[in-house]
Amino acid sequence: MAKIKITQIKSVIDRSERQKKTIEALGLRKLNHSVEVEATPAIIGMVRKVNHLVAVETI
């Protein structure tokens, strides 16, 4: 599997609880925090749900 780098670029303030939990499940903690994860179907699905809050790069 390919690895992707996910960076939180917008705040979760005033977002739904579901979006907040998705950001937390991706391992993101605060603005401009990045994580490198395997591009599994589950991770890709989570990224699609919060694509307006994160930036994604392939590694």
PDB file of N, CA and C in Angstrom:
ATOM      1  N   MET A   1       0.835  -1.190   0.000  1.00  0.00           N
ATOM      2  CA  MET A   1       0.000   0.000   0.000  1.00  0.00           C
ATOM      3  C   MET A   1       0.877   1.250   0.000  1.00  0.00           C
ATOM      4  N   ALA A   2       0.363   2.276  -0.609  1.00  0.00           N
ATOM      5  CA  ALA A   2       1.056   3.563  -0.629  1.00  0.00           C
ATOM      6  C   ALA A   2       0.839   4.281   0.699  1.00  0.00           C
ATOM      7  N   LYS A   3       1.758   5.161   1.014  1.00  0.00           N
ATOM      8  CA  LYS A   3       1.604   5.973   2.215  1.00  0.00           C
ATOM      9  C   LYS A   3       1.148   7.365   1.796  1.00  0.00           C
ATOM     10  N   ILE A   4       0.340   7.986   2.655  1.00  0.00           N
ATOM     11  CA  ILE A   4      -0.088   9.352   2.416  1.00  0.00           C
ATOM     12  C   ILE A   4       0.198  10.190   3.651  1.00  0.00           C
ATOM     13  N   LYS A   5       0.420  11.470   3.437  1.00  0.00           N
ATOM     14  CA  LYS A   5       0.654  12.419   4.522  1.00  0.00           C
ATOM     15  C   LYS A   5      -0.585  13.295   4.613  1.00  0.00           C
ATOM     16  N   ILE A   6      -1.205  13.310   5.789  1.00  0.00           N
ATOM     17  CA  ILE A   6      -2.427  14.082   6.014  1.00  0.00           C
ATOM     18  C   ILE A   6      -2.096  15.212   6.971  1.00  0.00           C
ATOM     19  N   THR A   7      -2.438  16.436   6.598  1.00  0.00           N
ATOM     20  CA  THR A   7      -2.174  17.613   7.418  1.00  0.00           C
ATOM     21  C   THR A   7      -3.485  18.335   7.677  1.00  0.00           C
ATOM     22  N   GLN A   8      -3.752  18.646   8.936  1.00  0.00           N
ATOM     23  CA  GLN A   8      -4.952  19.406   9.271  1.00  0.00           C
ATOM     24  C   GLN A   8      -4.696  20.877   8.962  1.00  0.00           C
ATOM     25  N   ILE A   9      -5.550  21.465   8.111  1.00  0.00           N
ATOM     26  CA  ILE A   9      -5.344  22.848   7.705  1.00  0.00           C
ATOM     27  C   ILE A   9      -6.441  23.791   8.200  1.00  0.00           C
ATOM     28  N   LYS A  10      -7.534  23.227   8.720  1.00  0.00           N
ATOM     29  CA  LYS A  10      -8.616  24.054   9.266  1.00  0.00           C
ATOM     30  C   LYS A  10      -9.034  23.504  10.619  1.00  0.00           C
ATOM     31  N   SER A  11      -9.589  24.379  11.432  1.00  0.00           N
ATOM     32  CA  SER A  11      -9.997  24.032  12.784  1.00  0.00           C
ATOM     33  C   SER A  11     -11.277  23.197  12.788  1.00  0.00           C
ATOM     34  N   VAL A  12     -11.453  22.426  13.862  1.00  0.00           N
ATOM     35  CA  VAL A  12     -12.675  21.638  14.020  1.00  0.00           C
ATOM     36  C   VAL A  12     -13.709  22.366  14.879  1.00  0.00           C
ATOM     37  N   ILE A  13     -13.408  23.584  15.268  1.00  0.00           N
ATOM     38  CA  ILE A  13     -14.378  24.382  16.024  1.00  0.00           C
ATOM     39  C   ILE A  13     -15.597  24.629  15.137  1.00  0.00           C
ATOM     40  N   ASP A  14     -16.782  24.487  15.696  1.00  0.00           N
ATOM     41  CA  ASP A  14     -18.057  24.649  14.994  1.00  0.00           C
ATOM     42  C   ASP A  14     -18.278  23.595  13.913  1.00  0.00           C
ATOM     43  N   ARG A  15     -17.646  22.445  14.039  1.00  0.00           N
ATOM     44  CA  ARG A  15     -17.890  21.323  13.129  1.00  0.00           C
ATOM     45  C   ARG A  15     -18.712  20.281  13.875  1.00  0.00           C
ATOM     46  N   SER A  16     -19.306  19.371  13.140  1.00  0.00           N
ATOM     47  CA  SER A  16     -20.127  18.344  13.772  1.00  0.00           C
ATOM     48  C   SER A  16     -19.247  17.407  14.608  1.00  0.00           C
ATOM     49  N   GLU A  17     -19.875  16.753  15.556  1.00  0.00           N
ATOM     50  CA  GLU A  17     -19.153  15.818  16.424  1.00  0.00           C
ATOM     51  C   GLU A  17     -18.552  14.674  15.598  1.00  0.00           C
ATOM     52  N   ARG A  18     -19.244  14.275  14.559  1.00  0.00           N
ATOM     53  CA  ARG A  18     -18.759  13.200  13.691  1.00  0.00           C
ATOM     54  C   ARG A  18     -17.454  13.590  13.002  1.00  0.00           C
ATOM     55  N   GLN A  19     -17.375  14.843  12.533  1.00  0.00           N
ATOM     56  CA  GLN A  19     -16.156  15.315  11.880  1.00  0.00           C
ATOM     57  C   GLN A  19     -15.022  15.430  12.885  1.00  0.00           C
ATOM     58  N   LYS A  20     -15.311  15.882  14.094  1.00  0.00           N
ATOM     59  CA  LYS A  20     -14.290  15.986  15.142  1.00  0.00           C
ATOM     60  C   LYS A  20     -13.714  14.612  15.455  1.00  0.00           C
ATOM     61  N   LYS A  21     -14.581  13.611  15.568  1.00  0.00           N
ATOM     62  CA  LYS A  21     -14.114  12.261  15.877  1.00  0.00           C
ATOM     63  C   LYS A  21     -13.329  11.656  14.716  1.00  0.00           C
ATOM     64  N   THR A  22     -13.686  11.998  13.496  1.00  0.00           N
ATOM     65  CA  THR A  22     -12.947  11.506  12.339  1.00  0.00           C
ATOM     66  C   THR A  22     -11.543  12.079  12.318  1.00  0.00           C
ATOM     67  N   ILE A  23     -11.410  13.380  12.592  1.00  0.00           N
ATOM     68  CA  ILE A  23     -10.095  14.017  12.655  1.00  0.00           C
ATOM     69  C   ILE A  23      -9.260  13.361  13.753  1.00  0.00           C
ATOM     70  N   GLU A  24      -9.866  13.106  14.896  1.00  0.00           N
ATOM     71  CA  GLU A  24      -9.164  12.447  16.011  1.00  0.00           C
ATOM     72  C   GLU A  24      -8.755  11.026  15.631  1.00  0.00           C
ATOM     73  N   ALA A  25      -9.625  10.310  14.924  1.00  0.00           N
ATOM     74  CA  ALA A  25      -9.319   8.936  14.516  1.00  0.00           C
ATOM     75  C   ALA A  25      -8.172   8.885  13.507  1.00  0.00           C
ATOM     76  N   LEU A  26      -8.009   9.943  12.736  1.00  0.00           N
ATOM     77  CA  LEU A  26      -6.889  10.013  11.795  1.00  0.00           C
ATOM     78  C   LEU A  26      -5.576  10.304  12.509  1.00  0.00           C
ATOM     79  N   GLY A  27      -5.646  10.690  13.786  1.00  0.00           N
ATOM     80  CA  GLY A  27      -4.438  10.954  14.554  1.00  0.00           C
ATOM     81  C   GLY A  27      -4.021  12.408  14.556  1.00  0.00           C
ATOM     82  N   LEU A  28      -4.896  13.277  14.092  1.00  0.00           N
ATOM     83  CA  LEU A  28      -4.573  14.704  14.051  1.00  0.00           C
ATOM     84  C   LEU A  28      -5.007  15.369  15.354  1.00  0.00           C
ATOM     85  N   ARG A  29      -4.176  16.276  15.858  1.00  0.00           N
ATOM     86  CA  ARG A  29      -4.425  16.881  17.152  1.00  0.00           C
ATOM     87  C   ARG A  29      -4.682  18.383  17.093  1.00  0.00           C
ATOM     88  N   LYS A  30      -3.976  19.084  16.213  1.00  0.00           N
ATOM     89  CA  LYS A  30      -4.138  20.534  16.138  1.00  0.00           C
ATOM     90  C   LYS A  30      -3.802  21.010  14.733  1.00  0.00           C
ATOM     91  N   LEU A  31      -3.979  22.283  14.475  1.00  0.00           N
ATOM     92  CA  LEU A  31      -3.704  22.835  13.156  1.00  0.00           C
ATOM     93  C   LEU A  31      -2.259  22.604  12.750  1.00  0.00           C
ATOM     94  N   ASN A  32      -2.069  22.322  11.479  1.00  0.00           N
ATOM     95  CA  ASN A  32      -0.755  22.073  10.866  1.00  0.00           C
ATOM     96  C   ASN A  32      -0.052  20.828  11.395  1.00  0.00           C
ATOM     97  N   HIS A  33      -0.765  19.982  12.122  1.00  0.00           N
ATOM     98  CA  HIS A  33      -0.207  18.704  12.570  1.00  0.00           C
ATOM     99  C   HIS A  33      -0.349  17.708  11.419  1.00  0.00           C
ATOM    100  N   SER A  34       0.688  16.930  11.168  1.00  0.00           N
ATOM    101  CA  SER A  34       0.680  15.959  10.067  1.00  0.00           C
ATOM    102  C   SER A  34       0.903  14.548  10.579  1.00  0.00           C
ATOM    103  N   VAL A  35       0.323  13.599   9.872  1.00  0.00           N
ATOM    104  CA  VAL A  35       0.553  12.183  10.152  1.00  0.00           C
ATOM    105  C   VAL A  35       0.775  11.470   8.828  1.00  0.00           C
ATOM    106  N   GLU A  36       1.582  10.416   8.870  1.00  0.00           N
ATOM    107  CA  GLU A  36       1.806   9.572   7.704  1.00  0.00           C
ATOM    108  C   GLU A  36       1.147   8.230   7.976  1.00  0.00           C
ATOM    109  N   VAL A  37       0.250   7.818   7.090  1.00  0.00           N
ATOM    110  CA  VAL A  37      -0.500   6.576   7.269  1.00  0.00           C
ATOM    111  C   VAL A  37      -0.551   5.811   5.959  1.00  0.00           C
ATOM    112  N   GLU A  38      -0.864   4.527   6.062  1.00  0.00           N
ATOM    113  CA  GLU A  38      -1.079   3.699   4.878  1.00  0.00           C
ATOM    114  C   GLU A  38      -2.406   4.113   4.232  1.00  0.00           C
ATOM    115  N   ALA A  39      -2.455   4.099   2.930  1.00  0.00           N
ATOM    116  CA  ALA A  39      -3.657   4.506   2.192  1.00  0.00           C
ATOM    117  C   ALA A  39      -4.620   3.329   2.052  1.00  0.00           C
ATOM    118  N   THR A  40      -5.207   2.918   3.163  1.00  0.00           N
ATOM    119  CA  THR A  40      -6.189   1.839   3.138  1.00  0.00           C
ATOM    120  C   THR A  40      -7.553   2.409   2.758  1.00  0.00           C
ATOM    121  N   PRO A  41      -8.486   1.568   2.337  1.00  0.00           N
ATOM    122  CA  PRO A  41      -9.822   2.073   2.007  1.00  0.00           C
ATOM    123  C   PRO A  41     -10.497   2.789   3.175  1.00  0.00           C
ATOM    124  N   ALA A  42     -10.275   2.332   4.397  1.00  0.00           N
ATOM    125  CA  ALA A  42     -10.879   2.975   5.565  1.00  0.00           C
ATOM    126  C   ALA A  42     -10.326   4.386   5.761  1.00  0.00           C
ATOM    127  N   ILE A  43      -9.013   4.530   5.641  1.00  0.00           N
ATOM    128  CA  ILE A  43      -8.385   5.845   5.801  1.00  0.00           C
ATOM    129  C   ILE A  43      -8.836   6.789   4.695  1.00  0.00           C
ATOM    130  N   ILE A  44      -8.890   6.298   3.461  1.00  0.00           N
ATOM    131  CA  ILE A  44      -9.316   7.132   2.335  1.00  0.00           C
ATOM    132  C   ILE A  44     -10.757   7.603   2.540  1.00  0.00           C
ATOM    133  N   GLY A  45     -11.598   6.736   3.061  1.00  0.00           N
ATOM    134  CA  GLY A  45     -12.981   7.116   3.346  1.00  0.00           C
ATOM    135  C   GLY A  45     -13.067   8.198   4.402  1.00  0.00           C
ATOM    136  N   MET A  46     -12.245   8.086   5.446  1.00  0.00           N
ATOM    137  CA  MET A  46     -12.237   9.117   6.488  1.00  0.00           C
ATOM    138  C   MET A  46     -11.751  10.446   5.926  1.00  0.00           C
ATOM    139  N   VAL A  47     -10.726  10.401   5.080  1.00  0.00           N
ATOM    140  CA  VAL A  47     -10.196  11.628   4.481  1.00  0.00           C
ATOM    141  C   VAL A  47     -11.266  12.299   3.622  1.00  0.00           C
ATOM    142  N   ARG A  48     -12.032  11.518   2.888  1.00  0.00           N
ATOM    143  CA  ARG A  48     -13.087  12.093   2.047  1.00  0.00           C
ATOM    144  C   ARG A  48     -14.151  12.800   2.887  1.00  0.00           C
ATOM    145  N   LYS A  49     -14.434  12.288   4.081  1.00  0.00           N
ATOM    146  CA  LYS A  49     -15.445  12.901   4.939  1.00  0.00           C
ATOM    147  C   LYS A  49     -15.003  14.253   5.493  1.00  0.00           C
ATOM    148  N   VAL A  50     -13.698  14.449   5.628  1.00  0.00           N
ATOM    149  CA  VAL A  50     -13.195  15.708   6.194  1.00  0.00           C
ATOM    150  C   VAL A  50     -12.219  16.394   5.228  1.00  0.00           C
ATOM    151  N   ASN A  51     -12.423  16.190   3.919  1.00  0.00           N
ATOM    152  CA  ASN A  51     -11.480  16.729   2.936  1.00  0.00           C
ATOM    153  C   ASN A  51     -11.403  18.256   2.954  1.00  0.00           C
ATOM    154  N   HIS A  52     -12.421  18.931   3.481  1.00  0.00           N
ATOM    155  CA  HIS A  52     -12.397  20.377   3.573  1.00  0.00           C
ATOM    156  C   HIS A  52     -11.571  20.870   4.762  1.00  0.00           C
ATOM    157  N   LEU A  53     -11.133  19.957   5.627  1.00  0.00           N
ATOM    158  CA  LEU A  53     -10.340  20.314   6.816  1.00  0.00           C
ATOM    159  C   LEU A  53      -8.885  19.877   6.714  1.00  0.00           C
ATOM    160  N   VAL A  54      -8.566  19.050   5.735  1.00  0.00           N
ATOM    161  CA  VAL A  54      -7.214  18.476   5.645  1.00  0.00           C
ATOM    162  C   VAL A  54      -6.615  18.654   4.246  1.00  0.00           C
ATOM    163  N   ALA A  55      -5.298  18.516   4.193  1.00  0.00           N
ATOM    164  CA  ALA A  55      -4.571  18.463   2.926  1.00  0.00           C
ATOM    165  C   ALA A  55      -3.900  17.107   2.865  1.00  0.00           C
ATOM    166  N   VAL A  56      -3.872  16.500   1.679  1.00  0.00           N
ATOM    167  CA  VAL A  56      -3.336  15.156   1.520  1.00  0.00           C
ATOM    168  C   VAL A  56      -2.232  15.171   0.465  1.00  0.00           C
ATOM    169  N   GLU A  57      -1.109  14.510   0.795  1.00  0.00           N
ATOM    170  CA  GLU A  57      -0.003  14.366  -0.147  1.00  0.00           C
ATOM    171  C   GLU A  57       0.383  12.897  -0.210  1.00  0.00           C
ATOM    172  N   THR A  58       0.771  12.436  -1.380  1.00  0.00           N
ATOM    173  CA  THR A  58       1.291  11.076  -1.482  1.00  0.00           C
ATOM    174  C   THR A  58       2.787  11.100  -1.195  1.00  0.00           C
ATOM    175  N   ILE A  59       3.268  10.009  -0.623  1.00  0.00           N
ATOM    176  CA  ILE A  59       4.690   9.924  -0.273  1.00  0.00           C
ATOM    177  C   ILE A  59       5.347   8.870  -1.139  1.00  0.00           C
TER     178      ILE A  59
END
